[in-house]
Amino acid sequence: MYKNILVPMALDHGVGENSVEIARRLLSEGGKITALHVYEAPEGSVGAYIDASVVQSAFERAKARLEDRVAAMPGVSSMIVKGHSGRTIIDTATELKADCIVLGSHKPGLIDYFLGSTAARVVQHAPCAVHVARDSK
């Protein structure tokens, strides 16, 4: 059983609720679950054409969506961080001293085979146990 579980949530996928239920089963009495969304702002040449206020507005909308989603999950706190998904999940788990990450994973597409999936990066580099929950869709 784990005392401090991090549950990364992609707001555009429906894997968060399943991951939270798994985290609840793995949680020790008195433990905590933190739902994390990593906001990836546009980078490079795309970022150069987007006004900073537009990026900030999108971040605030994502934060509100995460808070709304987590509000229906008693005992789960929410956190949103800007960064690259794989690296930021690992860094946040380290900062929070998480002892488990429960990570949802969709079926890989062609791009995942070339770039690698977020789940694969987290499993390889996480500072703690990782439970990968495959999305059944």
C-alpha atoms as a PDB file:
ATOM      1  CA  MET A   1       0.000   0.000   0.000  1.00  0.00           C
ATOM      2  CA  TYR A   2       1.120   3.545  -0.755  1.00  0.00           C
ATOM      3  CA  LYS A   3       0.878   6.773   1.228  1.00  0.00           C
ATOM      4  CA  ASN A   4       1.402   9.409  -1.476  1.00  0.00           C
ATOM      5  CA  ILE A   5       0.067   8.627  -4.956  1.00  0.00           C
ATOM      6  CA  LEU A   6       0.376  10.898  -7.982  1.00  0.00           C
ATOM      7  CA  VAL A   7      -2.247  10.454 -10.722  1.00  0.00           C
ATOM      8  CA  PRO A   8      -1.371  12.312 -13.942  1.00  0.00           C
ATOM      9  CA  MET A   9      -4.478  13.247 -15.953  1.00  0.00           C
ATOM     10  CA  ALA A  10      -4.658  14.240 -19.592  1.00  0.00           C
ATOM     11  CA  LEU A  11      -7.760  16.392 -19.819  1.00  0.00           C
ATOM     12  CA  ASP A  12      -8.323  15.343 -23.431  1.00  0.00           C
ATOM     13  CA  HIS A  13      -8.461  11.614 -22.546  1.00  0.00           C
ATOM     14  CA  GLY A  14     -10.944   9.824 -20.309  1.00  0.00           C
ATOM     15  CA  VAL A  15      -8.375   7.776 -18.366  1.00  0.00           C
ATOM     16  CA  GLY A  16      -8.286   9.905 -15.199  1.00  0.00           C
ATOM     17  CA  GLU A  17     -11.285   8.447 -13.390  1.00  0.00           C
ATOM     18  CA  ASN A  18     -10.108   4.854 -13.843  1.00  0.00           C
ATOM     19  CA  SER A  19      -6.631   5.792 -12.596  1.00  0.00           C
ATOM     20  CA  VAL A  20      -8.061   7.480  -9.496  1.00  0.00           C
ATOM     21  CA  GLU A  21     -10.119   4.379  -8.669  1.00  0.00           C
ATOM     22  CA  ILE A  22      -6.990   2.231  -8.953  1.00  0.00           C
ATOM     23  CA  ALA A  23      -5.098   4.719  -6.770  1.00  0.00           C
ATOM     24  CA  ARG A  24      -7.843   4.487  -4.130  1.00  0.00           C
ATOM     25  CA  ARG A  25      -7.397   0.704  -3.994  1.00  0.00           C
ATOM     26  CA  LEU A  26      -3.631   1.076  -3.597  1.00  0.00           C
ATOM     27  CA  LEU A  27      -3.805   3.857  -0.992  1.00  0.00           C
ATOM     28  CA  SER A  28      -2.940   3.241   2.651  1.00  0.00           C
ATOM     29  CA  GLU A  29      -5.270   4.603   5.302  1.00  0.00           C
ATOM     30  CA  GLY A  30      -4.454   8.276   5.840  1.00  0.00           C
ATOM     31  CA  GLY A  31      -2.638   8.517   2.502  1.00  0.00           C
ATOM     32  CA  LYS A  32      -3.170  11.155  -0.164  1.00  0.00           C
ATOM     33  CA  ILE A  33      -3.878  11.237  -3.887  1.00  0.00           C
ATOM     34  CA  THR A  34      -2.838  14.166  -6.069  1.00  0.00           C
ATOM     35  CA  ALA A  35      -4.276  14.533  -9.578  1.00  0.00           C
ATOM     36  CA  LEU A  36      -1.753  16.240 -11.866  1.00  0.00           C
ATOM     37  CA  HIS A  37      -2.308  17.824 -15.254  1.00  0.00           C
ATOM     38  CA  VAL A  38       0.741  18.923 -17.225  1.00  0.00           C
ATOM     39  CA  TYR A  39      -0.033  21.907 -19.435  1.00  0.00           C
ATOM     40  CA  GLU A  40       2.194  21.900 -22.507  1.00  0.00           C
ATOM     41  CA  ALA A  41       2.368  25.431 -23.876  1.00  0.00           C
ATOM     42  CA  PRO A  42       3.133  25.877 -27.576  1.00  0.00           C
ATOM     43  CA  GLU A  43       6.877  25.952 -28.169  1.00  0.00           C
ATOM     44  CA  GLY A  44       9.277  26.921 -30.901  1.00  0.00           C
ATOM     45  CA  SER A  45       8.013  28.686 -33.995  1.00  0.00           C
ATOM     46  CA  VAL A  46       4.354  28.095 -33.054  1.00  0.00           C
ATOM     47  CA  GLY A  47       4.847  29.795 -29.696  1.00  0.00           C
ATOM     48  CA  ALA A  48       6.335  32.835 -31.409  1.00  0.00           C
ATOM     49  CA  TYR A  49       3.013  33.559 -33.136  1.00  0.00           C
ATOM     50  CA  ILE A  50       0.763  33.181 -30.097  1.00  0.00           C
ATOM     51  CA  ASP A  51       0.238  36.061 -27.703  1.00  0.00           C
ATOM     52  CA  ALA A  52       1.217  35.312 -24.088  1.00  0.00           C
ATOM     53  CA  SER A  53      -2.266  36.299 -22.899  1.00  0.00           C
ATOM     54  CA  VAL A  54      -3.796  33.592 -25.113  1.00  0.00           C
ATOM     55  CA  VAL A  55      -1.460  30.977 -23.620  1.00  0.00           C
ATOM     56  CA  GLN A  56      -2.261  32.161 -20.081  1.00  0.00           C
ATOM     57  CA  SER A  57      -5.992  32.079 -20.815  1.00  0.00           C
ATOM     58  CA  ALA A  58      -5.702  28.495 -22.096  1.00  0.00           C
ATOM     59  CA  PHE A  59      -3.752  27.566 -18.954  1.00  0.00           C
ATOM     60  CA  GLU A  60      -6.487  29.035 -16.734  1.00  0.00           C
ATOM     61  CA  ARG A  61      -9.176  27.112 -18.657  1.00  0.00           C
ATOM     62  CA  ALA A  62      -7.207  23.881 -18.235  1.00  0.00           C
ATOM     63  CA  LYS A  63      -6.828  24.589 -14.515  1.00  0.00           C
ATOM     64  CA  ALA A  64     -10.594  25.122 -14.177  1.00  0.00           C
ATOM     65  CA  ARG A  65     -11.319  21.882 -16.093  1.00  0.00           C
ATOM     66  CA  LEU A  66      -8.995  19.932 -13.811  1.00  0.00           C
ATOM     67  CA  GLU A  67     -10.544  21.436 -10.682  1.00  0.00           C
ATOM     68  CA  ASP A  68     -14.052  20.630 -11.981  1.00  0.00           C
ATOM     69  CA  ARG A  69     -13.078  17.054 -12.755  1.00  0.00           C
ATOM     70  CA  VAL A  70     -11.404  16.529  -9.368  1.00  0.00           C
ATOM     71  CA  ALA A  71     -14.264  18.192  -7.440  1.00  0.00           C
ATOM     72  CA  ALA A  72     -16.298  15.031  -8.067  1.00  0.00           C
ATOM     73  CA  MET A  73     -13.512  12.888  -6.554  1.00  0.00           C
ATOM     74  CA  PRO A  74     -13.570  13.162  -2.751  1.00  0.00           C
ATOM     75  CA  GLY A  75     -10.157  13.066  -1.094  1.00  0.00           C
ATOM     76  CA  VAL A  76      -8.246  13.949  -4.264  1.00  0.00           C
ATOM     77  CA  SER A  77      -6.343  17.225  -4.574  1.00  0.00           C
ATOM     78  CA  SER A  78      -5.487  18.818  -7.923  1.00  0.00           C
ATOM     79  CA  MET A  79      -2.305  20.335  -9.288  1.00  0.00           C
ATOM     80  CA  ILE A  80      -1.467  21.817 -12.694  1.00  0.00           C
ATOM     81  CA  VAL A  81       2.090  22.433 -13.856  1.00  0.00           C
ATOM     82  CA  LYS A  82       3.525  23.832 -17.081  1.00  0.00           C
ATOM     83  CA  GLY A  83       6.083  21.674 -18.853  1.00  0.00           C
ATOM     84  CA  HIS A  84       6.707  18.598 -20.984  1.00  0.00           C
ATOM     85  CA  SER A  85       4.497  15.710 -19.843  1.00  0.00           C
ATOM     86  CA  GLY A  86       7.015  12.928 -19.237  1.00  0.00           C
ATOM     87  CA  ARG A  87       9.705  15.033 -17.601  1.00  0.00           C
ATOM     88  CA  THR A  88       7.246  17.088 -15.536  1.00  0.00           C
ATOM     89  CA  ILE A  89       5.457  14.020 -14.152  1.00  0.00           C
ATOM     90  CA  ILE A  90       8.811  12.620 -13.007  1.00  0.00           C
ATOM     91  CA  ASP A  91       9.924  15.952 -11.520  1.00  0.00           C
ATOM     92  CA  THR A  92       6.602  16.444  -9.718  1.00  0.00           C
ATOM     93  CA  ALA A  93       6.683  12.912  -8.286  1.00  0.00           C
ATOM     94  CA  THR A  94      10.164  13.670  -6.949  1.00  0.00           C
ATOM     95  CA  GLU A  95       9.119  17.037  -5.467  1.00  0.00           C
ATOM     96  CA  LEU A  96       6.012  15.569  -3.803  1.00  0.00           C
ATOM     97  CA  LYS A  97       7.951  12.512  -2.605  1.00  0.00           C
ATOM     98  CA  ALA A  98       5.320  10.300  -4.220  1.00  0.00           C
ATOM     99  CA  ASP A  99       5.756   6.600  -3.549  1.00  0.00           C
ATOM    100  CA  CYS A 100       3.564   5.565  -6.501  1.00  0.00           C
ATOM    101  CA  ILE A 101       2.391   6.994  -9.811  1.00  0.00           C
ATOM    102  CA  VAL A 102      -0.836   5.606 -11.277  1.00  0.00           C
ATOM    103  CA  LEU A 103      -0.706   6.515 -14.935  1.00  0.00           C
ATOM    104  CA  GLY A 104      -3.382   5.967 -17.552  1.00  0.00           C
ATOM    105  CA  SER A 105      -2.200   4.912 -20.984  1.00  0.00           C
ATOM    106  CA  HIS A 106      -4.044   4.884 -24.297  1.00  0.00           C
ATOM    107  CA  LYS A 107      -3.294   2.413 -27.058  1.00  0.00           C
ATOM    108  CA  PRO A 108      -0.214   3.712 -28.834  1.00  0.00           C
ATOM    109  CA  GLY A 109      -0.520   5.342 -32.206  1.00  0.00           C
ATOM    110  CA  LEU A 110       2.089   5.573 -34.935  1.00  0.00           C
ATOM    111  CA  ILE A 111       3.606   8.765 -33.491  1.00  0.00           C
ATOM    112  CA  ASP A 112       4.223   6.965 -30.166  1.00  0.00           C
ATOM    113  CA  TYR A 113       6.433   4.436 -31.919  1.00  0.00           C
ATOM    114  CA  PHE A 114       8.658   7.202 -33.278  1.00  0.00           C
ATOM    115  CA  LEU A 115       8.709   9.552 -30.288  1.00  0.00           C
ATOM    116  CA  GLY A 116       7.900   7.175 -27.437  1.00  0.00           C
ATOM    117  CA  SER A 117       4.930   7.451 -25.122  1.00  0.00           C
ATOM    118  CA  THR A 118       4.662   9.481 -21.944  1.00  0.00           C
ATOM    119  CA  ALA A 119       3.952   6.268 -20.012  1.00  0.00           C
ATOM    120  CA  ALA A 120       7.170   4.676 -21.303  1.00  0.00           C
ATOM    121  CA  ARG A 121       9.226   7.707 -20.258  1.00  0.00           C
ATOM    122  CA  VAL A 122       7.671   7.764 -16.796  1.00  0.00           C
ATOM    123  CA  VAL A 123       8.192   4.022 -16.259  1.00  0.00           C
ATOM    124  CA  GLN A 124      11.860   4.315 -17.269  1.00  0.00           C
ATOM    125  CA  HIS A 125      12.738   7.337 -15.140  1.00  0.00           C
ATOM    126  CA  ALA A 126      10.289   7.530 -12.211  1.00  0.00           C
ATOM    127  CA  PRO A 127      11.705   7.792  -8.687  1.00  0.00           C
ATOM    128  CA  CYS A 128       8.995   5.439  -7.359  1.00  0.00           C
ATOM    129  CA  ALA A 129       6.679   2.579  -8.278  1.00  0.00           C
ATOM    130  CA  VAL A 130       4.550   3.091 -11.393  1.00  0.00           C
ATOM    131  CA  HIS A 131       1.226   1.398 -12.100  1.00  0.00           C
ATOM    132  CA  VAL A 132       0.149   1.759 -15.738  1.00  0.00           C
ATOM    133  CA  ALA A 133      -3.589   1.435 -16.343  1.00  0.00           C
ATOM    134  CA  ARG A 134      -4.382   0.661 -19.965  1.00  0.00           C
ATOM    135  CA  ASP A 135      -7.427   2.473 -21.321  1.00  0.00           C
ATOM    136  CA  SER A 136      -9.857  -0.192 -22.514  1.00  0.00           C
ATOM    137  CA  LYS A 137     -10.983   1.856 -25.543  1.00  0.00           C
END
